Amino acid sequence: MALIRFGSRAMVVAALGLVGLSGCGVSPGGGTSQILQAAGASFPAGLYQRWFADLATRERIRVNYQSVGSGAGVRQFEAGTVDFAASDKPLDAGEAAKVQRGVVQLPLTAGAIAVAYNLPGCSLKLSQAQLVQIFEGKITNFQELGCANQPIQVVVRSDGSGTTYNFTNSLAAFSPSWKNGPGVGKSVNWPTGVGAKGNEGVAASMLQTKGSIGYVEAAYVRGVLQAAAIANRSGSFALPDAAAASQALATIDLGADLTGSDPNPSAGYPIVTFTWVLLYRSGNGAKLAALQRTINYALSDGAQRQAPGLGYIPLPAGVVTKAKAALAGVGA
């Protein structure tokens, strides 16, 4: 099995680091620019930072996006300390009802959660049962998976994470023992493994550890890391490439509120997710126009076309149409 080469992640943190914490600043072309504060998921951070850097050159809008994980981003959103947040797990009805200003949740992109590993010369094809047993600590050596004699070091997220929610949601769909054991959540009591913060931290830890296995957004599979082929509900094995991820995403019904998911699709790569931005339905005040222009740019054809080059999946056209309609309902 050949190593997949996922798109490079152009992390333009240096440019965004110049953004202040005030509501306005000096734009590249002179004059003042509107500054939006945002925080949340590390899963889509590579693409968001590219979009926001591009936006800063096109309009007098700067977005200071902090990749702190879905859990921390949601907490900041609930506290009202950001203009918008990002999460790989949308708020459920109970959580949304607690946001006094109301909430509108829009998918902006999608991607696959890869099961990455660091063992050159090994090509992993994992059944759903094998994948669960690795993270339960029941399979402890690559030799049990048909590769060399090498102990497995599991690497997991240490922070509250939408990536963790979606990954454990799939594990629970794959196995009753996981559903009734560690269960599903942004953070869980892992049976085994060492923790690292963010997709960035998990990838960095695996790059330094031969024999490691972890879960990361597919764009973070780089260097010596490879992605395992995982069996879907139909029993077919698929890699987390764009074609297999798109095939799986096409089977997901987002529903009227655009927050649907499927933790075990029957086609394509089985661990896929949309990722959402959380907007306040009201109380956006003078920042409303900048906020709507920012999200409309992310939903534009040009911005969506950038997704595959960075390892993400563009939104289906029908989802874009519904997201733009929902965005129009965000008010001052």
C-alpha atoms as a PDB file:
ATOM      1  CA  MET A   1       0.000   0.000   0.000  1.00  0.00           C
ATOM      2  CA  ALA A   2       1.544   3.281  -1.042  1.00  0.00           C
ATOM      3  CA  LEU A   3       1.933   6.174   1.349  1.00  0.00           C
ATOM      4  CA  ILE A   4      -0.750   8.791   0.813  1.00  0.00           C
ATOM      5  CA  ARG A   5       0.566  12.294   0.315  1.00  0.00           C
ATOM      6  CA  PHE A   6      -1.917  14.634   1.869  1.00  0.00           C
ATOM      7  CA  GLY A   7      -1.947  18.338   0.990  1.00  0.00           C
ATOM      8  CA  SER A   8       0.549  20.550   2.771  1.00  0.00           C
ATOM      9  CA  ARG A   9      -0.791  22.724   5.563  1.00  0.00           C
ATOM     10  CA  ALA A  10       0.130  26.350   5.018  1.00  0.00           C
ATOM     11  CA  MET A  11      -0.091  27.554   8.602  1.00  0.00           C
ATOM     12  CA  VAL A  12       0.070  31.299   8.377  1.00  0.00           C
ATOM     13  CA  VAL A  13       0.290  31.866  12.099  1.00  0.00           C
ATOM     14  CA  ALA A  14       3.041  34.435  11.738  1.00  0.00           C
ATOM     15  CA  ALA A  15       0.845  36.714   9.698  1.00  0.00           C
ATOM     16  CA  LEU A  16      -2.091  36.276  12.029  1.00  0.00           C
ATOM     17  CA  GLY A  17       0.090  36.798  15.060  1.00  0.00           C
ATOM     18  CA  LEU A  18       0.280  40.460  14.179  1.00  0.00           C
ATOM     19  CA  VAL A  19      -3.421  40.822  14.840  1.00  0.00           C
ATOM     20  CA  GLY A  20      -4.155  42.728  18.040  1.00  0.00           C
ATOM     21  CA  LEU A  21      -6.853  42.093  20.537  1.00  0.00           C
ATOM     22  CA  SER A  22      -8.716  45.335  19.879  1.00  0.00           C
ATOM     23  CA  GLY A  23     -11.669  45.752  17.556  1.00  0.00           C
ATOM     24  CA  CYS A  24      -9.788  47.497  14.773  1.00  0.00           C
ATOM     25  CA  GLY A  25      -6.298  47.832  13.328  1.00  0.00           C
ATOM     26  CA  VAL A  26      -4.348  49.037  10.330  1.00  0.00           C
ATOM     27  CA  SER A  27      -5.136  47.164   7.126  1.00  0.00           C
ATOM     28  CA  PRO A  28      -2.399  46.240   4.603  1.00  0.00           C
ATOM     29  CA  GLY A  29      -3.676  48.899   2.213  1.00  0.00           C
ATOM     30  CA  GLY A  30      -3.934  51.582   4.881  1.00  0.00           C
ATOM     31  CA  GLY A  31      -6.895  52.691   6.937  1.00  0.00           C
ATOM     32  CA  THR A  32      -8.652  50.751   9.668  1.00  0.00           C
ATOM     33  CA  SER A  33      -9.677  47.100   9.539  1.00  0.00           C
ATOM     34  CA  GLN A  34     -12.334  45.257  11.508  1.00  0.00           C
ATOM     35  CA  ILE A  35     -10.879  42.571  13.794  1.00  0.00           C
ATOM     36  CA  LEU A  36     -12.839  39.467  14.754  1.00  0.00           C
ATOM     37  CA  GLN A  37     -11.839  37.199  17.629  1.00  0.00           C
ATOM     38  CA  ALA A  38     -12.420  33.475  17.139  1.00  0.00           C
ATOM     39  CA  ALA A  39     -11.306  30.241  18.787  1.00  0.00           C
ATOM     40  CA  GLY A  40     -11.912  26.532  18.636  1.00  0.00           C
ATOM     41  CA  ALA A  41     -11.228  23.378  16.677  1.00  0.00           C
ATOM     42  CA  SER A  42      -7.702  22.479  15.633  1.00  0.00           C
ATOM     43  CA  PHE A  43      -9.125  20.025  13.085  1.00  0.00           C
ATOM     44  CA  PRO A  44      -9.830  22.743  10.432  1.00  0.00           C
ATOM     45  CA  ALA A  45      -7.198  25.238  11.621  1.00  0.00           C
ATOM     46  CA  GLY A  46      -4.908  24.876   8.597  1.00  0.00           C
ATOM     47  CA  LEU A  47      -7.705  25.768   6.192  1.00  0.00           C
ATOM     48  CA  TYR A  48      -9.246  28.485   8.368  1.00  0.00           C
ATOM     49  CA  GLN A  49      -5.927  30.250   8.807  1.00  0.00           C
ATOM     50  CA  ARG A  50      -5.357  30.195   5.046  1.00  0.00           C
ATOM     51  CA  TRP A  51      -8.822  31.627   4.445  1.00  0.00           C
ATOM     52  CA  PHE A  52      -8.431  34.335   7.063  1.00  0.00           C
ATOM     53  CA  ALA A  53      -5.008  35.338   5.744  1.00  0.00           C
ATOM     54  CA  ASP A  54      -6.472  35.610   2.232  1.00  0.00           C
ATOM     55  CA  LEU A  55      -9.399  37.614   3.577  1.00  0.00           C
ATOM     56  CA  ALA A  56      -7.039  40.091   5.232  1.00  0.00           C
ATOM     57  CA  THR A  57      -5.543  40.885   1.819  1.00  0.00           C
ATOM     58  CA  ARG A  58      -8.937  41.220   0.114  1.00  0.00           C
ATOM     59  CA  GLU A  59     -10.969  43.182   2.640  1.00  0.00           C
ATOM     60  CA  ARG A  60     -10.366  45.234   5.742  1.00  0.00           C
ATOM     61  CA  ILE A  61     -11.174  42.272   7.973  1.00  0.00           C
ATOM     62  CA  ARG A  62      -8.772  40.365  10.175  1.00  0.00           C
ATOM     63  CA  VAL A  63      -9.656  37.226  12.067  1.00  0.00           C
ATOM     64  CA  ASN A  64      -7.567  36.272  15.075  1.00  0.00           C
ATOM     65  CA  TYR A  65      -8.243  32.526  15.166  1.00  0.00           C
ATOM     66  CA  GLN A  66      -6.865  30.594  18.131  1.00  0.00           C
ATOM     67  CA  SER A  67      -6.572  26.830  17.554  1.00  0.00           C
ATOM     68  CA  VAL A  68      -7.358  25.761  21.133  1.00  0.00           C
ATOM     69  CA  GLY A  69      -9.615  22.755  20.515  1.00  0.00           C
ATOM     70  CA  SER A  70     -13.377  22.477  20.210  1.00  0.00           C
ATOM     71  CA  GLY A  71     -13.996  22.238  23.951  1.00  0.00           C
ATOM     72  CA  ALA A  72     -12.130  25.445  24.786  1.00  0.00           C
ATOM     73  CA  GLY A  73     -13.654  27.222  21.801  1.00  0.00           C
ATOM     74  CA  VAL A  74     -17.192  26.332  22.890  1.00  0.00           C
ATOM     75  CA  ARG A  75     -16.456  27.536  26.432  1.00  0.00           C
ATOM     76  CA  GLN A  76     -15.257  30.885  25.080  1.00  0.00           C
ATOM     77  CA  PHE A  77     -18.352  31.112  22.886  1.00  0.00           C
ATOM     78  CA  GLU A  78     -20.627  30.410  25.841  1.00  0.00           C
ATOM     79  CA  ALA A  79     -18.771  33.051  27.865  1.00  0.00           C
ATOM     80  CA  GLY A  80     -19.158  35.611  25.060  1.00  0.00           C
ATOM     81  CA  THR A  81     -15.418  36.327  24.808  1.00  0.00           C
ATOM     82  CA  VAL A  82     -15.185  35.599  21.061  1.00  0.00           C
ATOM     83  CA  ASP A  83     -17.091  36.811  18.008  1.00  0.00           C
ATOM     84  CA  PHE A  84     -17.492  33.238  16.787  1.00  0.00           C
ATOM     85  CA  ALA A  85     -16.214  29.777  17.612  1.00  0.00           C
ATOM     86  CA  ALA A  86     -15.435  26.565  15.764  1.00  0.00           C
ATOM     87  CA  SER A  87     -16.238  23.021  16.815  1.00  0.00           C
ATOM     88  CA  ASP A  88     -16.084  19.566  15.285  1.00  0.00           C
ATOM     89  CA  LYS A  89     -19.109  18.686  17.412  1.00  0.00           C
ATOM     90  CA  PRO A  90     -22.145  20.942  17.010  1.00  0.00           C
ATOM     91  CA  LEU A  91     -24.029  22.026  20.103  1.00  0.00           C
ATOM     92  CA  ASP A  92     -27.026  19.853  20.882  1.00  0.00           C
ATOM     93  CA  ALA A  93     -30.428  21.406  21.552  1.00  0.00           C
ATOM     94  CA  GLY A  94     -29.862  21.641  25.309  1.00  0.00           C
ATOM     95  CA  GLU A  95     -26.465  23.284  24.931  1.00  0.00           C
ATOM     96  CA  ALA A  96     -27.725  25.710  22.296  1.00  0.00           C
ATOM     97  CA  ALA A  97     -30.648  26.743  24.510  1.00  0.00           C
ATOM     98  CA  LYS A  98     -28.187  27.982  27.148  1.00  0.00           C
ATOM     99  CA  VAL A  99     -26.653  30.550  24.773  1.00  0.00           C
ATOM    100  CA  GLN A 100     -28.593  33.699  25.629  1.00  0.00           C
ATOM    101  CA  ARG A 101     -27.885  35.392  22.286  1.00  0.00           C
ATOM    102  CA  GLY A 102     -28.972  32.296  20.375  1.00  0.00           C
ATOM    103  CA  VAL A 103     -26.759  30.219  18.111  1.00  0.00           C
ATOM    104  CA  VAL A 104     -26.518  29.488  14.394  1.00  0.00           C
ATOM    105  CA  GLN A 105     -24.287  26.539  13.449  1.00  0.00           C
ATOM    106  CA  LEU A 106     -22.868  26.300   9.959  1.00  0.00           C
ATOM    107  CA  PRO A 107     -20.624  23.622   8.417  1.00  0.00           C
ATOM    108  CA  LEU A 108     -17.658  25.263   6.661  1.00  0.00           C
ATOM    109  CA  THR A 109     -15.607  22.280   5.558  1.00  0.00           C
ATOM    110  CA  ALA A 110     -15.241  18.551   6.157  1.00  0.00           C
ATOM    111  CA  GLY A 111     -12.510  15.997   6.509  1.00  0.00           C
ATOM    112  CA  ALA A 112     -11.454  12.522   7.506  1.00  0.00           C
ATOM    113  CA  ILE A 113     -10.005  11.527  10.854  1.00  0.00           C
ATOM    114  CA  ALA A 114      -7.033   9.364  10.017  1.00  0.00           C
ATOM    115  CA  VAL A 115      -5.656   6.542  12.139  1.00  0.00           C
ATOM    116  CA  ALA A 116      -2.005   7.476  11.725  1.00  0.00           C
ATOM    117  CA  TYR A 117       0.990   5.398  12.691  1.00  0.00           C
ATOM    118  CA  ASN A 118       4.776   5.551  12.681  1.00  0.00           C
ATOM    119  CA  LEU A 119       6.261   2.265  11.495  1.00  0.00           C
ATOM    120  CA  PRO A 120       8.065   2.396   8.134  1.00  0.00           C
ATOM    121  CA  GLY A 121       7.569  -0.731   6.051  1.00  0.00           C
ATOM    122  CA  CYS A 122       4.191  -1.527   7.601  1.00  0.00           C
ATOM    123  CA  SER A 123       0.929  -1.219   5.654  1.00  0.00           C
ATOM    124  CA  LEU A 124      -2.037  -1.405   8.014  1.00  0.00           C
ATOM    125  CA  LYS A 125      -5.514  -2.537   7.054  1.00  0.00           C
ATOM    126  CA  LEU A 126      -7.657  -2.550  10.161  1.00  0.00           C
ATOM    127  CA  SER A 127     -11.049  -4.083  10.736  1.00  0.00           C
ATOM    128  CA  GLN A 128     -13.355  -2.099  12.962  1.00  0.00           C
ATOM    129  CA  ALA A 129     -12.813  -4.637  15.750  1.00  0.00           C
ATOM    130  CA  GLN A 130      -9.020  -4.360  15.477  1.00  0.00           C
ATOM    131  CA  LEU A 131      -9.142  -0.565  15.611  1.00  0.00           C
ATOM    132  CA  VAL A 132     -11.223  -0.641  18.786  1.00  0.00           C
ATOM    133  CA  GLN A 133      -8.943  -3.235  20.387  1.00  0.00           C
ATOM    134  CA  ILE A 134      -5.874  -1.059  19.745  1.00  0.00           C
ATOM    135  CA  PHE A 135      -7.398   1.856  21.636  1.00  0.00           C
ATOM    136  CA  GLU A 136      -8.714  -0.484  24.354  1.00  0.00           C
ATOM    137  CA  GLY A 137      -5.136  -1.658  24.902  1.00  0.00           C
ATOM    138  CA  LYS A 138      -5.963  -5.231  23.881  1.00  0.00           C
ATOM    139  CA  ILE A 139      -3.730  -5.234  20.789  1.00  0.00           C
ATOM    140  CA  THR A 140      -0.314  -4.077  21.935  1.00  0.00           C
ATOM    141  CA  ASN A 141       2.132  -5.052  19.195  1.00  0.00           C
ATOM    142  CA  PHE A 142       2.224  -4.413  15.435  1.00  0.00           C
ATOM    143  CA  GLN A 143       3.079  -8.110  15.026  1.00  0.00           C
ATOM    144  CA  GLU A 144      -0.553  -8.889  15.905  1.00  0.00           C
ATOM    145  CA  LEU A 145      -1.548  -6.811  12.871  1.00  0.00           C
ATOM    146  CA  GLY A 146       0.765  -8.546  10.406  1.00  0.00           C
ATOM    147  CA  CYS A 147       3.715  -6.166  10.664  1.00  0.00           C
ATOM    148  CA  ALA A 148       7.093  -6.228  12.417  1.00  0.00           C
ATOM    149  CA  ASN A 149       7.593  -6.995  16.100  1.00  0.00           C
ATOM    150  CA  GLN A 150       7.153  -3.488  17.484  1.00  0.00           C
ATOM    151  CA  PRO A 151       5.255  -2.491  20.639  1.00  0.00           C
ATOM    152  CA  ILE A 152       2.379  -0.074  20.015  1.00  0.00           C
ATOM    153  CA  GLN A 153       2.363   3.309  21.734  1.00  0.00           C
ATOM    154  CA  VAL A 154      -1.118   4.811  21.523  1.00  0.00           C
ATOM    155  CA  VAL A 155      -1.285   8.623  21.387  1.00  0.00           C
ATOM    156  CA  VAL A 156      -4.552  10.415  22.213  1.00  0.00           C
ATOM    157  CA  ARG A 157      -5.795  13.957  22.719  1.00  0.00           C
ATOM    158  CA  SER A 158      -5.285  15.381  26.202  1.00  0.00           C
ATOM    159  CA  ASP A 159      -7.566  18.389  25.639  1.00  0.00           C
ATOM    160  CA  GLY A 160     -11.311  18.594  25.093  1.00  0.00           C
ATOM    161  CA  SER A 161     -11.656  17.927  21.404  1.00  0.00           C
ATOM    162  CA  GLY A 162     -14.291  17.617  18.709  1.00  0.00           C
ATOM    163  CA  THR A 163     -11.881  15.298  16.920  1.00  0.00           C
ATOM    164  CA  THR A 164     -11.995  13.038  19.971  1.00  0.00           C
ATOM    165  CA  TYR A 165     -15.793  13.240  20.047  1.00  0.00           C
ATOM    166  CA  ASN A 166     -16.090  12.160  16.416  1.00  0.00           C
ATOM    167  CA  PHE A 167     -13.415   9.468  16.717  1.00  0.00           C
ATOM    168  CA  THR A 168     -14.936   7.937  19.857  1.00  0.00           C
ATOM    169  CA  ASN A 169     -18.400   8.229  18.313  1.00  0.00           C
ATOM    170  CA  SER A 170     -17.168   5.995  15.501  1.00  0.00           C
ATOM    171  CA  LEU A 171     -15.495   3.574  17.925  1.00  0.00           C
ATOM    172  CA  ALA A 172     -18.797   3.310  19.793  1.00  0.00           C
ATOM    173  CA  ALA A 173     -20.611   2.614  16.515  1.00  0.00           C
ATOM    174  CA  PHE A 174     -18.006  -0.033  15.689  1.00  0.00           C
ATOM    175  CA  SER A 175     -18.162  -1.876  19.017  1.00  0.00           C
ATOM    176  CA  PRO A 176     -20.592  -2.349  21.930  1.00  0.00           C
ATOM    177  CA  SER A 177     -17.621  -2.790  24.272  1.00  0.00           C
ATOM    178  CA  TRP A 178     -16.432   0.728  23.477  1.00  0.00           C
ATOM    179  CA  LYS A 179     -19.955   2.175  23.642  1.00  0.00           C
ATOM    180  CA  ASN A 180     -20.484   0.620  27.071  1.00  0.00           C
ATOM    181  CA  GLY A 181     -16.921   1.307  28.223  1.00  0.00           C
ATOM    182  CA  PRO A 182     -14.983   4.515  27.535  1.00  0.00           C
ATOM    183  CA  GLY A 183     -17.963   5.827  25.557  1.00  0.00           C
ATOM    184  CA  VAL A 184     -18.255   9.020  23.525  1.00  0.00           C
ATOM    185  CA  GLY A 185     -17.131  12.528  24.385  1.00  0.00           C
ATOM    186  CA  LYS A 186     -14.799  15.433  23.731  1.00  0.00           C
ATOM    187  CA  SER A 187     -12.641  13.797  26.377  1.00  0.00           C
ATOM    188  CA  VAL A 188     -12.892  10.217  27.671  1.00  0.00           C
ATOM    189  CA  ASN A 189     -11.110   7.982  30.148  1.00  0.00           C
ATOM    190  CA  TRP A 190      -8.742   6.274  27.701  1.00  0.00           C
ATOM    191  CA  PRO A 191      -7.868   2.650  28.578  1.00  0.00           C
ATOM    192  CA  THR A 192      -4.350   3.207  27.224  1.00  0.00           C
ATOM    193  CA  GLY A 193      -2.169   5.841  25.644  1.00  0.00           C
ATOM    194  CA  VAL A 194      -0.249   9.044  26.260  1.00  0.00           C
ATOM    195  CA  GLY A 195      -1.858  12.437  25.748  1.00  0.00           C
ATOM    196  CA  ALA A 196      -0.936  15.381  23.541  1.00  0.00           C
ATOM    197  CA  LYS A 197      -2.684  18.690  22.953  1.00  0.00           C
ATOM    198  CA  GLY A 198      -4.356  19.401  19.623  1.00  0.00           C
ATOM    199  CA  ASN A 199      -4.020  17.646  16.289  1.00  0.00           C
ATOM    200  CA  GLU A 200      -0.645  19.383  16.081  1.00  0.00           C
ATOM    201  CA  GLY A 201       0.534  17.869  19.354  1.00  0.00           C
ATOM    202  CA  VAL A 202      -0.625  14.339  18.535  1.00  0.00           C
ATOM    203  CA  ALA A 203       1.108  14.454  15.147  1.00  0.00           C
ATOM    204  CA  ALA A 204       4.305  15.856  16.678  1.00  0.00           C
ATOM    205  CA  SER A 205       4.344  13.150  19.351  1.00  0.00           C
ATOM    206  CA  MET A 206       3.869  10.385  16.778  1.00  0.00           C
ATOM    207  CA  LEU A 207       6.584  11.796  14.527  1.00  0.00           C
ATOM    208  CA  GLN A 208       9.004  11.415  17.436  1.00  0.00           C
ATOM    209  CA  THR A 209       7.848   7.936  18.503  1.00  0.00           C
ATOM    210  CA  LYS A 210       8.441   4.820  16.419  1.00  0.00           C
ATOM    211  CA  GLY A 211       5.599   2.376  16.931  1.00  0.00           C
ATOM    212  CA  SER A 212       3.027   5.036  17.744  1.00  0.00           C
ATOM    213  CA  ILE A 213      -0.615   5.002  16.635  1.00  0.00           C
ATOM    214  CA  GLY A 214      -2.992   7.922  17.061  1.00  0.00           C
ATOM    215  CA  TYR A 215      -5.906   9.765  15.486  1.00  0.00           C
ATOM    216  CA  VAL A 216      -5.561  13.094  13.690  1.00  0.00           C
ATOM    217  CA  GLU A 217      -7.270  15.070  10.978  1.00  0.00           C
ATOM    218  CA  ALA A 218      -5.961  13.632   7.719  1.00  0.00           C
ATOM    219  CA  ALA A 219      -4.031  16.771   6.743  1.00  0.00           C
ATOM    220  CA  TYR A 220      -1.693  16.133   9.704  1.00  0.00           C
ATOM    221  CA  VAL A 221      -0.445  12.818   8.266  1.00  0.00           C
ATOM    222  CA  ARG A 222       3.013  13.807   7.079  1.00  0.00           C
ATOM    223  CA  GLY A 223       6.686  12.851   7.225  1.00  0.00           C
ATOM    224  CA  VAL A 224       7.117   9.224   8.282  1.00  0.00           C
ATOM    225  CA  LEU A 225       3.492   8.946   9.352  1.00  0.00           C
ATOM    226  CA  GLN A 226       1.136   6.786   7.309  1.00  0.00           C
ATOM    227  CA  ALA A 227      -2.625   6.368   7.416  1.00  0.00           C
ATOM    228  CA  ALA A 228      -4.240   2.981   8.004  1.00  0.00           C
ATOM    229  CA  ALA A 229      -6.987   1.680   5.737  1.00  0.00           C
ATOM    230  CA  ILE A 230     -10.131   1.160   7.837  1.00  0.00           C
ATOM    231  CA  ALA A 231     -13.085  -1.121   7.087  1.00  0.00           C
ATOM    232  CA  ASN A 232     -16.429   0.617   6.645  1.00  0.00           C
ATOM    233  CA  ARG A 233     -19.825  -0.792   7.655  1.00  0.00           C
ATOM    234  CA  SER A 234     -20.007  -2.778   4.404  1.00  0.00           C
ATOM    235  CA  GLY A 235     -16.652  -4.413   5.138  1.00  0.00           C
ATOM    236  CA  SER A 236     -14.705  -2.593   2.407  1.00  0.00           C
ATOM    237  CA  PHE A 237     -11.357  -1.068   3.340  1.00  0.00           C
ATOM    238  CA  ALA A 238     -10.712   2.575   2.520  1.00  0.00           C
ATOM    239  CA  LEU A 239      -7.967   5.116   3.088  1.00  0.00           C
ATOM    240  CA  PRO A 240      -8.760   8.649   4.293  1.00  0.00           C
ATOM    241  CA  ASP A 241      -8.186  10.229   0.891  1.00  0.00           C
ATOM    242  CA  ALA A 242     -10.407  12.847  -0.717  1.00  0.00           C
ATOM    243  CA  ALA A 243     -12.371  10.432  -2.883  1.00  0.00           C
ATOM    244  CA  ALA A 244     -13.207   7.968  -0.089  1.00  0.00           C
ATOM    245  CA  ALA A 245     -14.024  10.751   2.379  1.00  0.00           C
ATOM    246  CA  SER A 246     -16.296  12.495  -0.125  1.00  0.00           C
ATOM    247  CA  GLN A 247     -18.070   9.203  -0.823  1.00  0.00           C
ATOM    248  CA  ALA A 248     -18.831   8.785   2.877  1.00  0.00           C
ATOM    249  CA  LEU A 249     -19.854  12.423   3.400  1.00  0.00           C
ATOM    250  CA  ALA A 250     -22.328  12.171   0.529  1.00  0.00           C
ATOM    251  CA  THR A 251     -24.311   9.622   2.581  1.00  0.00           C
ATOM    252  CA  ILE A 252     -24.740  11.960   5.600  1.00  0.00           C
ATOM    253  CA  ASP A 253     -28.017  13.827   6.029  1.00  0.00           C
ATOM    254  CA  LEU A 254     -27.218  17.074   7.873  1.00  0.00           C
ATOM    255  CA  GLY A 255     -30.888  17.761   8.549  1.00  0.00           C
ATOM    256  CA  ALA A 256     -32.722  21.071   8.712  1.00  0.00           C
ATOM    257  CA  ASP A 257     -30.385  22.521  11.355  1.00  0.00           C
ATOM    258  CA  LEU A 258     -27.215  21.428   9.455  1.00  0.00           C
ATOM    259  CA  THR A 259     -25.822  19.441  12.404  1.00  0.00           C
ATOM    260  CA  GLY A 260     -26.285  15.812  11.315  1.00  0.00           C
ATOM    261  CA  SER A 261     -23.602  13.107  11.268  1.00  0.00           C
ATOM    262  CA  ASP A 262     -23.061   9.386  10.674  1.00  0.00           C
ATOM    263  CA  PRO A 263     -20.391   7.641  12.776  1.00  0.00           C
ATOM    264  CA  ASN A 264     -20.295   4.520  10.588  1.00  0.00           C
ATOM    265  CA  PRO A 265     -21.227   5.140   6.945  1.00  0.00           C
ATOM    266  CA  SER A 266     -21.647   2.178   4.635  1.00  0.00           C
ATOM    267  CA  ALA A 267     -19.517   3.622   1.814  1.00  0.00           C
ATOM    268  CA  GLY A 268     -16.100   5.219   1.598  1.00  0.00           C
ATOM    269  CA  TYR A 269     -13.833   5.966   4.545  1.00  0.00           C
ATOM    270  CA  PRO A 270     -15.842   5.472   7.749  1.00  0.00           C
ATOM    271  CA  ILE A 271     -14.463   8.154  10.119  1.00  0.00           C
ATOM    272  CA  VAL A 272     -15.489  11.450   8.536  1.00  0.00           C
ATOM    273  CA  THR A 273     -17.064  14.621   9.818  1.00  0.00           C
ATOM    274  CA  PHE A 274     -18.214  18.047   8.895  1.00  0.00           C
ATOM    275  CA  THR A 275     -16.852  20.828  11.110  1.00  0.00           C
ATOM    276  CA  TRP A 276     -18.881  23.832  12.185  1.00  0.00           C
ATOM    277  CA  VAL A 277     -18.633  27.489  13.113  1.00  0.00           C
ATOM    278  CA  LEU A 278     -20.868  28.752  15.918  1.00  0.00           C
ATOM    279  CA  LEU A 279     -22.344  32.217  15.415  1.00  0.00           C
ATOM    280  CA  TYR A 280     -24.499  34.313  17.717  1.00  0.00           C
ATOM    281  CA  ARG A 281     -27.992  34.714  16.315  1.00  0.00           C
ATOM    282  CA  SER A 282     -28.203  38.241  17.738  1.00  0.00           C
ATOM    283  CA  GLY A 283     -26.112  40.835  19.522  1.00  0.00           C
ATOM    284  CA  ASN A 284     -23.379  41.034  16.868  1.00  0.00           C
ATOM    285  CA  GLY A 285     -23.693  44.807  16.666  1.00  0.00           C
ATOM    286  CA  ALA A 286     -21.204  46.710  14.544  1.00  0.00           C
ATOM    287  CA  LYS A 287     -19.309  43.503  13.747  1.00  0.00           C
ATOM    288  CA  LEU A 288     -22.228  41.883  11.914  1.00  0.00           C
ATOM    289  CA  ALA A 289     -21.190  42.984   8.419  1.00  0.00           C
ATOM    290  CA  ALA A 290     -17.586  41.815   8.897  1.00  0.00           C
ATOM    291  CA  LEU A 291     -18.774  38.540  10.376  1.00  0.00           C
ATOM    292  CA  GLN A 292     -21.113  37.824   7.473  1.00  0.00           C
ATOM    293  CA  ARG A 293     -18.491  38.769   4.879  1.00  0.00           C
ATOM    294  CA  THR A 294     -15.995  36.454   6.582  1.00  0.00           C
ATOM    295  CA  ILE A 295     -18.300  33.443   6.557  1.00  0.00           C
ATOM    296  CA  ASN A 296     -19.586  34.187   3.060  1.00  0.00           C
ATOM    297  CA  TYR A 297     -15.978  34.197   1.860  1.00  0.00           C
ATOM    298  CA  ALA A 298     -15.391  30.782   3.490  1.00  0.00           C
ATOM    299  CA  LEU A 299     -18.464  29.473   1.674  1.00  0.00           C
ATOM    300  CA  SER A 300     -17.402  30.947  -1.694  1.00  0.00           C
ATOM    301  CA  ASP A 301     -16.350  28.747  -4.606  1.00  0.00           C
ATOM    302  CA  GLY A 302     -12.807  30.115  -4.487  1.00  0.00           C
ATOM    303  CA  ALA A 303     -12.338  29.378  -0.796  1.00  0.00           C
ATOM    304  CA  GLN A 304     -13.888  25.908  -1.035  1.00  0.00           C
ATOM    305  CA  ARG A 305     -11.577  25.043  -3.942  1.00  0.00           C
ATOM    306  CA  GLN A 306      -8.605  25.537  -1.603  1.00  0.00           C
ATOM    307  CA  ALA A 307      -9.752  22.716   0.676  1.00  0.00           C
ATOM    308  CA  PRO A 308      -8.324  19.671  -1.173  1.00  0.00           C
ATOM    309  CA  GLY A 309      -4.849  21.179  -1.434  1.00  0.00           C
ATOM    310  CA  LEU A 310      -4.725  21.433   2.355  1.00  0.00           C
ATOM    311  CA  GLY A 311      -6.171  17.979   3.020  1.00  0.00           C
ATOM    312  CA  TYR A 312      -9.827  18.910   3.540  1.00  0.00           C
ATOM    313  CA  ILE A 313     -13.049  18.139   1.661  1.00  0.00           C
ATOM    314  CA  PRO A 314     -15.125  20.912   0.019  1.00  0.00           C
ATOM    315  CA  LEU A 315     -18.748  21.193   1.062  1.00  0.00           C
ATOM    316  CA  PRO A 316     -21.339  19.757  -1.338  1.00  0.00           C
ATOM    317  CA  ALA A 317     -23.115  22.506  -3.299  1.00  0.00           C
ATOM    318  CA  GLY A 318     -26.427  21.843  -1.563  1.00  0.00           C
ATOM    319  CA  VAL A 319     -24.845  22.266   1.854  1.00  0.00           C
ATOM    320  CA  VAL A 320     -23.289  25.594   0.804  1.00  0.00           C
ATOM    321  CA  THR A 321     -26.687  26.865  -0.318  1.00  0.00           C
ATOM    322  CA  LYS A 322     -28.312  25.921   2.995  1.00  0.00           C
ATOM    323  CA  ALA A 323     -25.417  27.414   5.003  1.00  0.00           C
ATOM    324  CA  LYS A 324     -25.668  30.746   3.175  1.00  0.00           C
ATOM    325  CA  ALA A 325     -29.411  30.860   3.830  1.00  0.00           C
ATOM    326  CA  ALA A 326     -28.838  30.217   7.547  1.00  0.00           C
ATOM    327  CA  LEU A 327     -26.117  32.884   7.659  1.00  0.00           C
ATOM    328  CA  ALA A 328     -28.623  35.458   6.413  1.00  0.00           C
ATOM    329  CA  GLY A 329     -30.582  34.878   9.620  1.00  0.00           C
ATOM    330  CA  VAL A 330     -27.742  36.127  11.827  1.00  0.00           C
ATOM    331  CA  GLY A 331     -28.589  39.603  13.083  1.00  0.00           C
ATOM    332  CA  ALA A 332     -27.142  42.615  14.824  1.00  0.00           C
END
